[in-house]
Amino acid sequence: MTVPRFWREQPSRYNLIGSHCKTCGKYYYPIRNLCPECRRDGEMEQYKFKGTGKIVTYTITHTTSDEFSDLVPYALAIVELDEGAKLTTQIVDEPEKVATGKRVHSVFRKLGSDGDAGIIYYGTKFELDKE
């Protein structure tokens, strides 16, 4: 199996897939095999999130490694998805527009690459909803 094919065949990498506990009703991202609330009594299932939520908190990054220097400044946020799970993600809008409580939705973007001629990695980031 080639490396690009390996990454394409990981559904959670491209589809915002997490877990839902059918016992207590809570949602988690990334995928979990065991519910932190119910422990062994929980019955977990995979769940594809809608990809909508709100910014809980954020920070603006002004300096970084050479690998990401073309991105600065950029916003990193903790987003609470509508289902309740929280995740850390980049907000692709201008940093000065980012604020706690703003609504966001997932977008498919480039995450990085292995050099100028290497494999390009894609995944989920978030952008602000239009007001």
C-alpha atoms as a PDB file:
ATOM      1  CA  MET A   1       0.000   0.000   0.000  1.00  0.00           C
ATOM      2  CA  THR A   2       1.409   3.410  -0.919  1.00  0.00           C
ATOM      3  CA  VAL A   3       1.516   6.242   1.606  1.00  0.00           C
ATOM      4  CA  PRO A   4      -1.031   8.496  -0.221  1.00  0.00           C
ATOM      5  CA  ARG A   5      -3.490   5.618  -0.428  1.00  0.00           C
ATOM      6  CA  PHE A   6      -2.952   4.889   3.282  1.00  0.00           C
ATOM      7  CA  TRP A   7      -3.991   8.446   4.215  1.00  0.00           C
ATOM      8  CA  ARG A   8      -6.999   8.462   1.855  1.00  0.00           C
ATOM      9  CA  GLU A   9      -8.278   5.256   3.431  1.00  0.00           C
ATOM     10  CA  GLN A  10      -8.478   6.752   6.921  1.00  0.00           C
ATOM     11  CA  PRO A  11     -12.085   7.974   7.023  1.00  0.00           C
ATOM     12  CA  SER A  12     -11.729   9.877  10.296  1.00  0.00           C
ATOM     13  CA  ARG A  13      -8.919  12.006   8.833  1.00  0.00           C
ATOM     14  CA  TYR A  14     -11.161  13.455   6.124  1.00  0.00           C
ATOM     15  CA  ASN A  15     -14.678  13.119   7.496  1.00  0.00           C
ATOM     16  CA  LEU A  16     -14.612  14.435  11.095  1.00  0.00           C
ATOM     17  CA  ILE A  17     -15.575  11.041  12.510  1.00  0.00           C
ATOM     18  CA  GLY A  18     -15.661  10.534  16.255  1.00  0.00           C
ATOM     19  CA  SER A  19     -17.604   8.428  18.723  1.00  0.00           C
ATOM     20  CA  HIS A  20     -21.041   8.469  20.322  1.00  0.00           C
ATOM     21  CA  CYS A  21     -21.875   6.565  23.498  1.00  0.00           C
ATOM     22  CA  LYS A  22     -25.318   5.023  23.090  1.00  0.00           C
ATOM     23  CA  THR A  23     -25.478   4.499  26.872  1.00  0.00           C
ATOM     24  CA  CYS A  24     -25.006   8.094  28.134  1.00  0.00           C
ATOM     25  CA  GLY A  25     -25.489   9.988  24.841  1.00  0.00           C
ATOM     26  CA  LYS A  26     -22.160  11.891  24.871  1.00  0.00           C
ATOM     27  CA  TYR A  27     -20.036  12.539  21.789  1.00  0.00           C
ATOM     28  CA  TYR A  28     -16.236  12.436  21.535  1.00  0.00           C
ATOM     29  CA  TYR A  29     -13.579  13.448  19.045  1.00  0.00           C
ATOM     30  CA  PRO A  30     -11.337  11.768  18.016  1.00  0.00           C
ATOM     31  CA  ILE A  31     -12.696   8.203  17.989  1.00  0.00           C
ATOM     32  CA  ARG A  32     -12.707   6.459  21.371  1.00  0.00           C
ATOM     33  CA  ASN A  33     -13.231   2.804  22.114  1.00  0.00           C
ATOM     34  CA  LEU A  34     -14.215   3.405  25.742  1.00  0.00           C
ATOM     35  CA  CYS A  35     -16.624   6.021  27.096  1.00  0.00           C
ATOM     36  CA  PRO A  36     -14.922   8.159  29.800  1.00  0.00           C
ATOM     37  CA  GLU A  37     -18.283   8.493  31.574  1.00  0.00           C
ATOM     38  CA  CYS A  38     -19.697   4.966  31.387  1.00  0.00           C
ATOM     39  CA  ARG A  39     -16.364   3.115  31.192  1.00  0.00           C
ATOM     40  CA  ARG A  40     -16.979  -0.556  30.344  1.00  0.00           C
ATOM     41  CA  ASP A  41     -20.762  -0.191  30.579  1.00  0.00           C
ATOM     42  CA  GLY A  42     -20.827   2.202  27.625  1.00  0.00           C
ATOM     43  CA  GLU A  43     -21.711   1.106  24.121  1.00  0.00           C
ATOM     44  CA  MET A  44     -19.680   3.121  21.611  1.00  0.00           C
ATOM     45  CA  GLU A  45     -20.444   3.681  17.932  1.00  0.00           C
ATOM     46  CA  GLN A  46     -18.722   5.720  15.238  1.00  0.00           C
ATOM     47  CA  TYR A  47     -20.362   9.054  14.501  1.00  0.00           C
ATOM     48  CA  LYS A  48     -19.841  11.534  11.646  1.00  0.00           C
ATOM     49  CA  PHE A  49     -20.110  15.062  13.023  1.00  0.00           C
ATOM     50  CA  LYS A  50     -22.068  17.755  11.147  1.00  0.00           C
ATOM     51  CA  GLY A  51     -18.996  19.991  11.339  1.00  0.00           C
ATOM     52  CA  THR A  52     -20.693  23.014  12.901  1.00  0.00           C
ATOM     53  CA  GLY A  53     -20.059  24.589  16.281  1.00  0.00           C
ATOM     54  CA  LYS A  54     -18.748  27.620  18.161  1.00  0.00           C
ATOM     55  CA  ILE A  55     -15.396  28.926  19.350  1.00  0.00           C
ATOM     56  CA  VAL A  56     -14.904  28.302  23.080  1.00  0.00           C
ATOM     57  CA  THR A  57     -11.457  29.931  23.327  1.00  0.00           C
ATOM     58  CA  TYR A  58      -8.626  30.803  20.964  1.00  0.00           C
ATOM     59  CA  THR A  59      -5.095  32.112  20.644  1.00  0.00           C
ATOM     60  CA  ILE A  60      -3.301  33.960  17.876  1.00  0.00           C
ATOM     61  CA  THR A  61       0.071  32.496  16.886  1.00  0.00           C
ATOM     62  CA  HIS A  62       2.636  35.070  15.719  1.00  0.00           C
ATOM     63  CA  THR A  63       5.806  32.967  15.669  1.00  0.00           C
ATOM     64  CA  THR A  64       6.288  29.344  14.727  1.00  0.00           C
ATOM     65  CA  SER A  65       8.710  26.891  13.179  1.00  0.00           C
ATOM     66  CA  ASP A  66       9.967  27.422   9.640  1.00  0.00           C
ATOM     67  CA  GLU A  67       7.520  24.776   8.417  1.00  0.00           C
ATOM     68  CA  PHE A  68       4.509  27.012   9.244  1.00  0.00           C
ATOM     69  CA  SER A  69       6.121  30.465   8.953  1.00  0.00           C
ATOM     70  CA  ASP A  70       4.092  31.324   5.844  1.00  0.00           C
ATOM     71  CA  LEU A  71       0.873  31.009   7.898  1.00  0.00           C
ATOM     72  CA  VAL A  72       1.588  33.493  10.715  1.00  0.00           C
ATOM     73  CA  PRO A  73      -0.287  35.096  12.201  1.00  0.00           C
ATOM     74  CA  TYR A  74      -3.026  32.465  12.488  1.00  0.00           C
ATOM     75  CA  ALA A  75      -5.726  31.513  14.975  1.00  0.00           C
ATOM     76  CA  LEU A  76      -5.890  28.217  16.868  1.00  0.00           C
ATOM     77  CA  ALA A  77      -9.141  27.573  18.677  1.00  0.00           C
ATOM     78  CA  ILE A  78     -10.976  25.083  20.796  1.00  0.00           C
ATOM     79  CA  VAL A  79     -14.253  24.509  18.980  1.00  0.00           C
ATOM     80  CA  GLU A  80     -17.256  22.933  20.648  1.00  0.00           C
ATOM     81  CA  LEU A  81     -19.177  21.042  17.998  1.00  0.00           C
ATOM     82  CA  ASP A  82     -22.972  21.245  18.113  1.00  0.00           C
ATOM     83  CA  GLU A  83     -23.034  17.655  19.364  1.00  0.00           C
ATOM     84  CA  GLY A  84     -20.891  18.635  22.382  1.00  0.00           C
ATOM     85  CA  ALA A  85     -17.442  17.254  21.525  1.00  0.00           C
ATOM     86  CA  LYS A  86     -14.516  19.706  21.636  1.00  0.00           C
ATOM     87  CA  LEU A  87     -11.449  19.798  19.428  1.00  0.00           C
ATOM     88  CA  THR A  88      -8.444  22.004  18.775  1.00  0.00           C
ATOM     89  CA  THR A  89      -8.285  23.366  15.244  1.00  0.00           C
ATOM     90  CA  GLN A  90      -7.018  26.175  13.072  1.00  0.00           C
ATOM     91  CA  ILE A  91      -9.458  28.914  12.086  1.00  0.00           C
ATOM     92  CA  VAL A  92      -8.679  29.889   8.482  1.00  0.00           C
ATOM     93  CA  ASP A  93     -10.099  33.444   8.624  1.00  0.00           C
ATOM     94  CA  GLU A  94      -8.120  36.576   9.429  1.00  0.00           C
ATOM     95  CA  PRO A  95      -7.099  36.391  13.105  1.00  0.00           C
ATOM     96  CA  GLU A  96      -8.653  39.773  13.958  1.00  0.00           C
ATOM     97  CA  LYS A  97     -12.109  38.400  13.024  1.00  0.00           C
ATOM     98  CA  VAL A  98     -11.889  35.443  15.426  1.00  0.00           C
ATOM     99  CA  ALA A  99     -13.758  35.787  18.740  1.00  0.00           C
ATOM    100  CA  THR A 100     -15.112  33.590  21.499  1.00  0.00           C
ATOM    101  CA  GLY A 101     -18.691  32.485  20.824  1.00  0.00           C
ATOM    102  CA  LYS A 102     -18.561  32.928  17.041  1.00  0.00           C
ATOM    103  CA  ARG A 103     -20.141  30.184  14.940  1.00  0.00           C
ATOM    104  CA  VAL A 104     -17.877  28.107  12.686  1.00  0.00           C
ATOM    105  CA  HIS A 105     -18.109  25.258  10.182  1.00  0.00           C
ATOM    106  CA  SER A 106     -15.591  22.701   8.976  1.00  0.00           C
ATOM    107  CA  VAL A 107     -13.685  23.080   5.710  1.00  0.00           C
ATOM    108  CA  PHE A 108     -11.281  20.788   3.874  1.00  0.00           C
ATOM    109  CA  ARG A 109      -7.811  22.370   3.675  1.00  0.00           C
ATOM    110  CA  LYS A 110      -4.133  21.611   3.207  1.00  0.00           C
ATOM    111  CA  LEU A 111      -2.467  20.686   6.502  1.00  0.00           C
ATOM    112  CA  GLY A 112       1.101  20.385   5.263  1.00  0.00           C
ATOM    113  CA  SER A 113       3.483  18.623   2.916  1.00  0.00           C
ATOM    114  CA  ASP A 114       6.722  16.691   2.828  1.00  0.00           C
ATOM    115  CA  GLY A 115       8.800  19.374   1.148  1.00  0.00           C
ATOM    116  CA  ASP A 116       8.122  21.239  -2.080  1.00  0.00           C
ATOM    117  CA  ALA A 117       7.777  18.062  -4.164  1.00  0.00           C
ATOM    118  CA  GLY A 118       6.493  15.722  -1.462  1.00  0.00           C
ATOM    119  CA  ILE A 119       3.130  14.366  -0.430  1.00  0.00           C
ATOM    120  CA  ILE A 120       0.507  16.974   0.468  1.00  0.00           C
ATOM    121  CA  TYR A 121      -1.627  16.242   3.553  1.00  0.00           C
ATOM    122  CA  TYR A 122      -5.215  17.459   3.744  1.00  0.00           C
ATOM    123  CA  GLY A 123      -7.706  17.516   6.584  1.00  0.00           C
ATOM    124  CA  THR A 124     -10.277  19.504   8.518  1.00  0.00           C
ATOM    125  CA  LYS A 125      -9.927  23.109   9.620  1.00  0.00           C
ATOM    126  CA  PHE A 126     -12.697  25.570  10.468  1.00  0.00           C
ATOM    127  CA  GLU A 127     -13.883  28.930   9.176  1.00  0.00           C
ATOM    128  CA  LEU A 128     -16.244  31.551  10.551  1.00  0.00           C
ATOM    129  CA  ASP A 129     -19.885  31.448   9.466  1.00  0.00           C
ATOM    130  CA  LYS A 130     -21.029  34.405   7.382  1.00  0.00           C
ATOM    131  CA  GLU A 131     -22.976  36.853   9.509  1.00  0.00           C
END
